Protein backbone atom coordinates (compact mmCIF):
# COMPACT_ATOMS: atom_id res chain seq x y z
CA MET A 1 93.40 94.95 102.52
CA PRO A 2 96.26 94.44 104.87
CA ILE A 3 99.13 97.03 104.13
CA LEU A 4 102.16 96.32 102.38
CA GLU A 5 104.10 99.15 100.97
CA VAL A 6 107.50 100.52 100.12
CA PHE A 7 108.26 104.02 99.03
CA ASP A 8 111.31 105.10 98.31
CA ASP A 9 112.43 108.93 98.87
CA ILE A 10 109.86 109.19 101.61
CA ILE A 11 111.15 112.30 102.78
CA ASP A 12 113.73 115.23 100.71
CA LYS A 13 117.25 114.54 100.35
CA PRO A 14 118.14 117.43 102.93
CA LEU A 15 115.88 116.19 105.49
CA GLN A 16 117.36 112.47 104.55
CA GLU A 17 120.74 114.27 105.08
CA LYS A 18 120.14 116.14 108.43
CA ILE A 19 118.55 112.34 109.78
CA LYS A 20 121.30 110.85 108.63
CA SER A 21 123.87 113.54 110.25
CA ASP A 22 122.06 114.18 113.84
CA ILE A 23 122.24 110.00 113.97
CA LEU A 24 125.38 108.96 113.08
CA ASN A 25 127.53 111.57 113.77
CA PRO A 26 129.54 111.97 116.91
CA TYR A 27 130.53 115.40 116.38
CA THR A 28 127.03 117.36 116.03
CA GLY A 29 124.50 117.59 118.62
CA ASP A 30 123.81 115.33 121.99
CA PHE A 31 122.20 112.19 120.43
CA TYR A 32 122.91 109.30 122.52
CA TRP A 33 122.57 105.40 122.15
CA ARG A 34 121.73 102.78 124.60
CA PHE A 35 123.31 99.34 124.32
CA ILE A 36 121.17 96.11 123.94
CA GLU A 37 122.12 92.69 124.83
CA ASP A 38 120.22 91.27 121.17
CA ILE A 39 118.55 93.59 118.94
CA THR A 40 115.35 91.16 117.88
CA SER A 41 114.41 89.82 121.27
CA SER A 42 114.64 92.87 123.56
CA SER A 43 110.90 93.79 123.54
CA PHE A 44 110.15 89.88 124.70
CA LEU A 45 112.31 89.83 128.11
CA ASN A 46 115.08 87.60 125.64
CA VAL A 47 112.82 84.83 124.66
CA HIS A 48 114.85 82.55 122.26
CA THR A 49 117.97 85.51 122.02
CA GLN A 50 120.39 84.58 119.47
CA LYS A 51 122.56 87.31 121.60
CA ARG A 52 122.94 89.64 118.48
CA PRO A 53 124.01 93.11 119.90
CA GLY A 54 123.17 96.30 118.99
CA LEU A 55 122.80 99.84 119.79
CA ASN A 56 118.80 101.87 120.20
CA HIS A 57 117.94 105.11 120.52
CA MET A 58 113.71 105.85 122.02
CA PHE A 59 111.68 108.91 119.99
CA TYR A 60 108.14 107.46 121.67
CA GLU A 61 107.63 105.26 124.20
CA ASP A 62 104.16 104.19 125.29
CA SER A 63 102.74 106.85 123.27
CA LEU A 64 105.14 109.66 124.76
CA MET A 65 107.53 111.86 122.84
CA VAL A 66 111.17 111.02 125.02
CA CYS A 67 113.21 113.01 123.16
CA ASP A 68 114.14 115.93 121.57
CA TYR A 69 114.63 114.13 118.38
CA SER A 70 111.05 112.76 117.58
CA TRP A 71 110.73 115.36 115.44
CA MET A 72 112.20 112.79 113.08
CA THR A 73 109.34 110.53 114.10
CA GLN A 74 106.97 112.70 113.01
CA ASP A 75 108.30 113.92 109.54
CA ILE A 76 108.48 110.59 108.18
CA VAL A 77 105.03 109.55 109.68
CA LEU A 78 103.57 112.50 108.06
CA GLN A 79 104.43 111.65 104.62
CA VAL A 80 103.48 107.94 105.02
CA ILE A 81 100.07 108.72 106.69
CA ASP A 82 99.81 111.05 103.43
CA LYS A 83 100.58 108.77 100.73
CA LEU A 84 97.90 105.52 102.50
CA LYS A 85 96.07 108.48 103.15
CA LEU A 86 95.01 107.51 106.16
CA LYS A 87 94.37 108.80 109.87
CA MET A 88 96.78 108.24 112.28
CA THR A 89 95.52 108.04 115.88
CA GLN A 90 98.61 107.98 117.66
CA ILE A 91 102.38 106.66 117.14
CA ILE A 92 102.94 104.54 119.93
CA LYS A 93 106.88 103.88 119.91
CA SER A 94 109.36 104.77 117.88
CA LYS A 95 112.86 103.99 118.18
CA THR A 96 116.22 103.60 115.95
CA PHE A 97 118.84 101.01 115.60
CA LEU A 98 122.61 100.53 114.49
CA GLN A 99 123.65 97.36 113.66
CA VAL A 100 127.59 97.24 113.05
CA PRO A 101 128.92 93.67 111.22
CA LEU A 102 129.65 91.14 113.59
CA ASN A 103 132.00 88.21 113.48
CA LEU A 104 129.49 85.43 113.53
CA LYS A 105 129.55 82.03 112.37
CA ASP A 106 126.05 81.59 112.07
CA TYR A 107 124.46 84.10 109.53
CA THR A 108 121.11 83.00 109.77
CA VAL A 109 118.38 85.45 109.49
CA ASP A 110 117.72 87.18 113.22
CA ASN A 111 114.94 85.10 114.88
CA ALA A 112 111.07 86.45 113.31
CA HIS A 113 108.83 88.25 115.99
CA VAL A 114 106.42 91.58 115.94
CA ASP A 115 106.90 94.76 117.52
CA MET A 116 103.82 94.27 119.61
CA MET A 117 100.88 92.14 120.95
CA LYS A 118 97.93 94.78 119.56
CA PRO A 119 97.16 95.35 116.26
CA HIS A 120 99.08 98.27 114.35
CA LEU A 121 101.28 99.76 111.73
CA VAL A 122 104.92 99.34 110.95
CA ILE A 123 106.77 102.15 109.36
CA LEU A 124 110.72 101.04 109.39
CA TYR A 125 112.84 103.99 107.40
CA TYR A 126 116.59 103.14 106.19
CA VAL A 127 118.33 105.82 107.28
CA MET A 128 121.60 105.21 105.04
CA ASP A 129 122.46 103.08 102.34
CA SER A 130 123.27 99.15 103.66
CA ASP A 131 123.19 95.27 103.25
CA GLY A 132 121.02 93.29 105.95
CA ASP A 133 117.86 93.06 104.05
CA THR A 134 114.36 92.98 105.96
CA ILE A 135 112.08 90.22 105.72
CA ILE A 136 108.12 90.28 105.87
CA TYR A 137 106.94 86.45 106.29
CA ASN A 138 103.85 85.18 104.88
CA SER A 139 102.25 84.57 108.37
CA GLN A 140 100.69 86.63 110.53
CA TRP A 141 100.77 86.46 114.91
CA GLU A 142 98.14 84.72 116.81
CA LYS A 143 97.40 85.32 120.14
CA GLY A 144 99.75 83.74 122.83
CA GLU A 145 102.48 83.63 120.51
CA THR A 146 105.82 86.11 121.48
CA ILE A 147 108.92 85.33 119.35
CA LYS A 148 110.13 82.42 116.71
CA ASN A 149 113.10 80.42 117.43
CA SER A 150 115.57 80.00 114.79
CA GLU A 151 114.31 76.67 113.98
CA GLU A 152 110.44 78.33 113.33
CA THR A 153 111.87 81.20 111.61
CA ALA A 154 113.77 78.60 108.88
CA LYS A 155 109.97 77.60 108.17
CA LEU A 156 108.09 80.27 107.47
CA LEU A 157 107.70 81.63 103.70
CA ILE A 158 108.73 85.19 102.44
CA LYS A 159 106.47 87.54 101.38
CA LYS A 160 108.66 90.26 100.55
CA LYS A 161 112.55 90.98 101.24
CA VAL A 162 113.46 95.05 101.26
CA THR A 163 117.07 96.17 100.74
CA PRO A 164 117.98 98.84 102.81
CA LYS A 165 118.36 101.88 101.05
CA GLN A 166 118.44 106.23 101.92
CA GLY A 167 115.32 107.37 102.67
CA ARG A 168 113.32 104.12 101.48
CA ALA A 169 110.43 103.36 103.76
CA ILE A 170 108.73 99.81 104.02
CA VAL A 171 105.06 100.04 105.78
CA PHE A 172 103.46 97.05 106.80
CA ASN A 173 100.53 94.94 108.89
CA GLY A 174 102.54 94.84 112.15
CA SER A 175 100.76 91.29 113.02
CA TYR A 176 103.34 90.04 109.91
CA TRP A 177 106.11 88.33 111.34
CA HIS A 178 109.43 89.70 110.00
CA THR A 179 113.33 89.91 110.78
CA ALA A 180 116.25 91.12 109.16
CA GLU A 181 119.51 89.44 108.12
CA GLN A 182 122.40 90.73 110.09
CA PRO A 183 124.80 93.19 107.95
CA LYS A 184 127.92 91.59 106.82
CA ASP A 185 129.58 94.48 105.03
CA ASN A 186 127.69 98.19 106.22
CA ASN A 187 126.61 99.83 109.82
CA ARG A 188 122.60 99.11 109.48
CA CYS A 189 120.52 101.86 110.87
CA VAL A 190 116.67 102.45 110.66
CA ILE A 191 113.90 103.94 112.86
CA ASN A 192 111.25 101.79 113.61
CA THR A 193 107.79 102.86 114.86
CA ASN A 194 104.30 101.62 115.34
CA ILE A 195 101.41 103.72 114.77
CA THR A 196 97.51 102.83 115.16
CA CYS A 197 95.21 104.81 112.22
CA GLU A 198 91.60 105.29 112.09
CA GLY A 199 89.42 102.92 110.66
CA ILE A 200 91.77 99.38 109.41
CA ASN A 201 93.01 98.72 112.88
CA ALA A 202 90.93 95.24 112.38
CA ASN A 203 92.31 94.61 109.08
CA ILE A 204 95.79 95.58 109.95
């Protein structure tokens, strides 16, 4: 069966606070952010861009650790695969996103997308409480598709909505179209990780 699970307090409270402090406190460590013009379309060369900017920081890229903070990803992933009784084969990509409320005239959801065009599992961890729900749609990506525009996204049926809560993780089949609502009242920070696991790649 395709995986779609939500876990609260996937890691213990002291570790939650450590991650939040290291990522968001400008007076600790050397954590840096990179500006991106559109949170959703950055992986697809600005196809159907809505020009909704944010910041990101890479932990893993092309299955390689690319920063000293990759332990954050590792600690979260280890807890997830233990709970789901999975055997991970690799962490393909992992990054954290930071969004701030924007003065938008149009608060439609961000365009529906998939993180990559090969079988994978998504682990989305919420660094802190926020608005800006994650939306998982009932439809799955098919070969040749890249990203939905606003009109196509609006026609999709919602499978699940998840509200950001510190320590919460949603784990799902990476082929599901998914997106997020833009935060209106709070900063929104997530760690988005894509992994492959032994024995389930054909079904995720």
